[in-house]
Amino acid sequence: QVQLVESGGGLVQAGGSLRLSCAASGKIFSVSAMGWYRQAPGKQRDLVASINTGGTANYADSVKGRFTISRDNGKNMVYLQMNSLRPEDTDVYYCNAKRVGVPFSNYWGQGTQVTVSS
């Protein structure tokens, strides 16, 4: 009931920047927290950053000070600004959303590839 589409991934040199975007559609009125996760082949999907409807954000320790998550409720968009990128940031990045009042709700986008060269 909530659809998410990511964009903005690509290839960048170490130290460079990218901005990921996630467009939400469907039952957007019920979306609460949104976030970005990343996953490498054979590894678990880990939280990168999340943000609630009030704009409160939290980050994985590995990206603090480098990444910024933001949200535009009017455009139904969430963004991840990634600066000072490192080769270890290379992963598929996924947008995530949860719904108010729906226990264990969890919606995912298709993912966008981020590759950081050394």
C-alpha atoms as a PDB file:
ATOM      1  CA  GLN A   1       0.000   0.000   0.000  1.00  0.00           C
ATOM      2  CA  VAL A   2       3.091   2.214   0.030  1.00  0.00           C
ATOM      3  CA  GLN A   3       5.357   2.261  -3.009  1.00  0.00           C
ATOM      4  CA  LEU A   4       8.935   3.546  -2.877  1.00  0.00           C
ATOM      5  CA  VAL A   5      11.257   4.323  -5.792  1.00  0.00           C
ATOM      6  CA  GLU A   6      14.919   5.236  -5.263  1.00  0.00           C
ATOM      7  CA  SER A   7      17.169   7.179  -7.607  1.00  0.00           C
ATOM      8  CA  GLY A   8      20.481   9.020  -7.590  1.00  0.00           C
ATOM      9  CA  GLY A   9      22.965   6.191  -7.256  1.00  0.00           C
ATOM     10  CA  GLY A  10      26.037   5.908  -9.421  1.00  0.00           C
ATOM     11  CA  LEU A  11      29.812   5.790  -9.557  1.00  0.00           C
ATOM     12  CA  VAL A  12      31.834   8.405  -7.700  1.00  0.00           C
ATOM     13  CA  GLN A  13      35.461   8.807  -6.635  1.00  0.00           C
ATOM     14  CA  ALA A  14      36.459   8.659  -2.984  1.00  0.00           C
ATOM     15  CA  GLY A  15      35.847  11.999  -1.326  1.00  0.00           C
ATOM     16  CA  GLY A  16      33.012  12.841  -3.681  1.00  0.00           C
ATOM     17  CA  SER A  17      29.303  13.284  -3.068  1.00  0.00           C
ATOM     18  CA  LEU A  18      25.985  11.829  -4.162  1.00  0.00           C
ATOM     19  CA  ARG A  19      22.385  12.582  -3.270  1.00  0.00           C
ATOM     20  CA  LEU A  20      19.890   9.747  -3.189  1.00  0.00           C
ATOM     21  CA  SER A  21      16.177  10.406  -3.581  1.00  0.00           C
ATOM     22  CA  CYS A  22      13.168   8.291  -2.665  1.00  0.00           C
ATOM     23  CA  ALA A  23       9.683   9.026  -3.969  1.00  0.00           C
ATOM     24  CA  ALA A  24       6.760   7.625  -1.996  1.00  0.00           C
ATOM     25  CA  SER A  25       3.275   6.958  -3.297  1.00  0.00           C
ATOM     26  CA  GLY A  26       0.166   5.096  -2.184  1.00  0.00           C
ATOM     27  CA  LYS A  27      -1.063   5.501   1.397  1.00  0.00           C
ATOM     28  CA  ILE A  28       1.410   8.280   2.079  1.00  0.00           C
ATOM     29  CA  PHE A  29      -0.773   9.861   4.763  1.00  0.00           C
ATOM     30  CA  SER A  30      -0.080   6.906   7.042  1.00  0.00           C
ATOM     31  CA  VAL A  31       3.732   6.877   6.661  1.00  0.00           C
ATOM     32  CA  SER A  32       5.625   7.561   9.863  1.00  0.00           C
ATOM     33  CA  ALA A  33       9.371   6.917   9.915  1.00  0.00           C
ATOM     34  CA  MET A  34      11.412   6.677   6.730  1.00  0.00           C
ATOM     35  CA  GLY A  35      15.006   5.682   6.278  1.00  0.00           C
ATOM     36  CA  TRP A  36      17.870   4.446   4.179  1.00  0.00           C
ATOM     37  CA  TYR A  37      19.522   1.049   4.475  1.00  0.00           C
ATOM     38  CA  ARG A  38      22.383  -0.536   2.581  1.00  0.00           C
ATOM     39  CA  GLN A  39      23.282  -4.108   1.747  1.00  0.00           C
ATOM     40  CA  ALA A  40      26.256  -5.809   0.135  1.00  0.00           C
ATOM     41  CA  PRO A  41      26.085  -9.303  -1.414  1.00  0.00           C
ATOM     42  CA  GLY A  42      26.058 -11.943   1.301  1.00  0.00           C
ATOM     43  CA  LYS A  43      25.593  -9.360   4.051  1.00  0.00           C
ATOM     44  CA  GLN A  44      22.613  -8.223   6.107  1.00  0.00           C
ATOM     45  CA  ARG A  45      20.736  -5.042   5.339  1.00  0.00           C
ATOM     46  CA  ASP A  46      21.914  -2.345   7.760  1.00  0.00           C
ATOM     47  CA  LEU A  47      20.443   0.993   8.768  1.00  0.00           C
ATOM     48  CA  VAL A  48      22.229   4.042   7.381  1.00  0.00           C
ATOM     49  CA  ALA A  49      19.874   6.799   8.530  1.00  0.00           C
ATOM     50  CA  SER A  50      16.248   7.291   9.539  1.00  0.00           C
ATOM     51  CA  ILE A  51      13.933  10.245  10.046  1.00  0.00           C
ATOM     52  CA  ASN A  52      10.509  10.613  11.639  1.00  0.00           C
ATOM     53  CA  THR A  53       7.641  12.899  10.664  1.00  0.00           C
ATOM     54  CA  GLY A  54       8.928  15.620  12.976  1.00  0.00           C
ATOM     55  CA  GLY A  55      12.332  15.689  11.322  1.00  0.00           C
ATOM     56  CA  THR A  56      14.296  13.911  14.045  1.00  0.00           C
ATOM     57  CA  ALA A  57      17.087  11.902  12.443  1.00  0.00           C
ATOM     58  CA  ASN A  58      19.459   9.204  13.568  1.00  0.00           C
ATOM     59  CA  TYR A  59      22.514   7.772  11.834  1.00  0.00           C
ATOM     60  CA  ALA A  60      24.782   4.781  11.842  1.00  0.00           C
ATOM     61  CA  ASP A  61      28.087   5.592  13.531  1.00  0.00           C
ATOM     62  CA  SER A  62      29.982   4.974  10.306  1.00  0.00           C
ATOM     63  CA  VAL A  63      28.203   7.815   8.470  1.00  0.00           C
ATOM     64  CA  LYS A  64      27.791  10.436  11.195  1.00  0.00           C
ATOM     65  CA  GLY A  65      29.124  13.776  10.063  1.00  0.00           C
ATOM     66  CA  ARG A  66      29.199  12.693   6.420  1.00  0.00           C
ATOM     67  CA  PHE A  67      25.603  11.805   5.497  1.00  0.00           C
ATOM     68  CA  THR A  68      22.448  13.850   6.014  1.00  0.00           C
ATOM     69  CA  ILE A  69      18.906  12.540   5.729  1.00  0.00           C
ATOM     70  CA  SER A  70      16.095  14.968   4.973  1.00  0.00           C
ATOM     71  CA  ARG A  71      12.405  14.816   4.192  1.00  0.00           C
ATOM     72  CA  ASP A  72      10.031  16.887   2.089  1.00  0.00           C
ATOM     73  CA  ASN A  73       6.532  15.939   3.202  1.00  0.00           C
ATOM     74  CA  GLY A  74       4.887  18.211   0.646  1.00  0.00           C
ATOM     75  CA  LYS A  75       6.595  16.359  -2.213  1.00  0.00           C
ATOM     76  CA  ASN A  76       6.447  12.949  -0.521  1.00  0.00           C
ATOM     77  CA  MET A  77      10.210  12.604  -0.830  1.00  0.00           C
ATOM     78  CA  VAL A  78      13.091  11.572   1.383  1.00  0.00           C
ATOM     79  CA  TYR A  79      16.730  12.267   0.546  1.00  0.00           C
ATOM     80  CA  LEU A  80      20.165  11.107   1.591  1.00  0.00           C
ATOM     81  CA  GLN A  81      22.998  13.555   0.990  1.00  0.00           C
ATOM     82  CA  MET A  82      26.260  11.619   1.054  1.00  0.00           C
ATOM     83  CA  ASN A  83      29.518  13.548   1.354  1.00  0.00           C
ATOM     84  CA  SER A  84      33.134  12.452   1.813  1.00  0.00           C
ATOM     85  CA  LEU A  85      32.302   9.084   0.321  1.00  0.00           C
ATOM     86  CA  ARG A  86      34.621   6.155   0.978  1.00  0.00           C
ATOM     87  CA  PRO A  87      35.091   2.871  -0.907  1.00  0.00           C
ATOM     88  CA  GLU A  88      33.511   1.038   2.033  1.00  0.00           C
ATOM     89  CA  ASP A  89      30.292   2.973   1.369  1.00  0.00           C
ATOM     90  CA  THR A  90      29.860   0.905  -1.802  1.00  0.00           C
ATOM     91  CA  ASP A  91      26.554  -0.953  -1.524  1.00  0.00           C
ATOM     92  CA  VAL A  92      23.000  -1.140  -2.778  1.00  0.00           C
ATOM     93  CA  TYR A  93      20.977   1.498  -0.929  1.00  0.00           C
ATOM     94  CA  TYR A  94      17.308   0.911  -0.130  1.00  0.00           C
ATOM     95  CA  CYS A  95      14.584   3.306   0.909  1.00  0.00           C
ATOM     96  CA  ASN A  96      12.351   2.169   3.765  1.00  0.00           C
ATOM     97  CA  ALA A  97       9.035   3.334   5.197  1.00  0.00           C
ATOM     98  CA  LYS A  98       6.751   2.340   8.051  1.00  0.00           C
ATOM     99  CA  ARG A  99       3.065   3.098   8.599  1.00  0.00           C
ATOM    100  CA  VAL A 100       1.368   4.605  11.638  1.00  0.00           C
ATOM    101  CA  GLY A 101      -0.779   2.112  13.520  1.00  0.00           C
ATOM    102  CA  VAL A 102       0.310  -0.889  11.450  1.00  0.00           C
ATOM    103  CA  PRO A 103       2.417  -3.259  13.570  1.00  0.00           C
ATOM    104  CA  PHE A 104       5.590  -4.498  11.871  1.00  0.00           C
ATOM    105  CA  SER A 105       4.819  -2.581   8.689  1.00  0.00           C
ATOM    106  CA  ASN A 106       7.870  -2.356   6.459  1.00  0.00           C
ATOM    107  CA  TYR A 107       8.021  -1.141   2.860  1.00  0.00           C
ATOM    108  CA  TRP A 108      11.069  -1.200   0.603  1.00  0.00           C
ATOM    109  CA  GLY A 109      12.155   0.314  -2.678  1.00  0.00           C
ATOM    110  CA  GLN A 110      13.973  -1.626  -5.381  1.00  0.00           C
ATOM    111  CA  GLY A 111      17.393  -0.273  -4.413  1.00  0.00           C
ATOM    112  CA  THR A 112      19.966   1.929  -6.107  1.00  0.00           C
ATOM    113  CA  GLN A 113      23.642   1.054  -6.547  1.00  0.00           C
ATOM    114  CA  VAL A 114      26.309   3.299  -5.065  1.00  0.00           C
ATOM    115  CA  THR A 115      29.907   2.563  -6.043  1.00  0.00           C
ATOM    116  CA  VAL A 116      32.844   4.537  -4.630  1.00  0.00           C
ATOM    117  CA  SER A 117      36.204   4.094  -6.325  1.00  0.00           C
ATOM    118  CA  SER A 118      39.504   4.548  -4.525  1.00  0.00           C
END
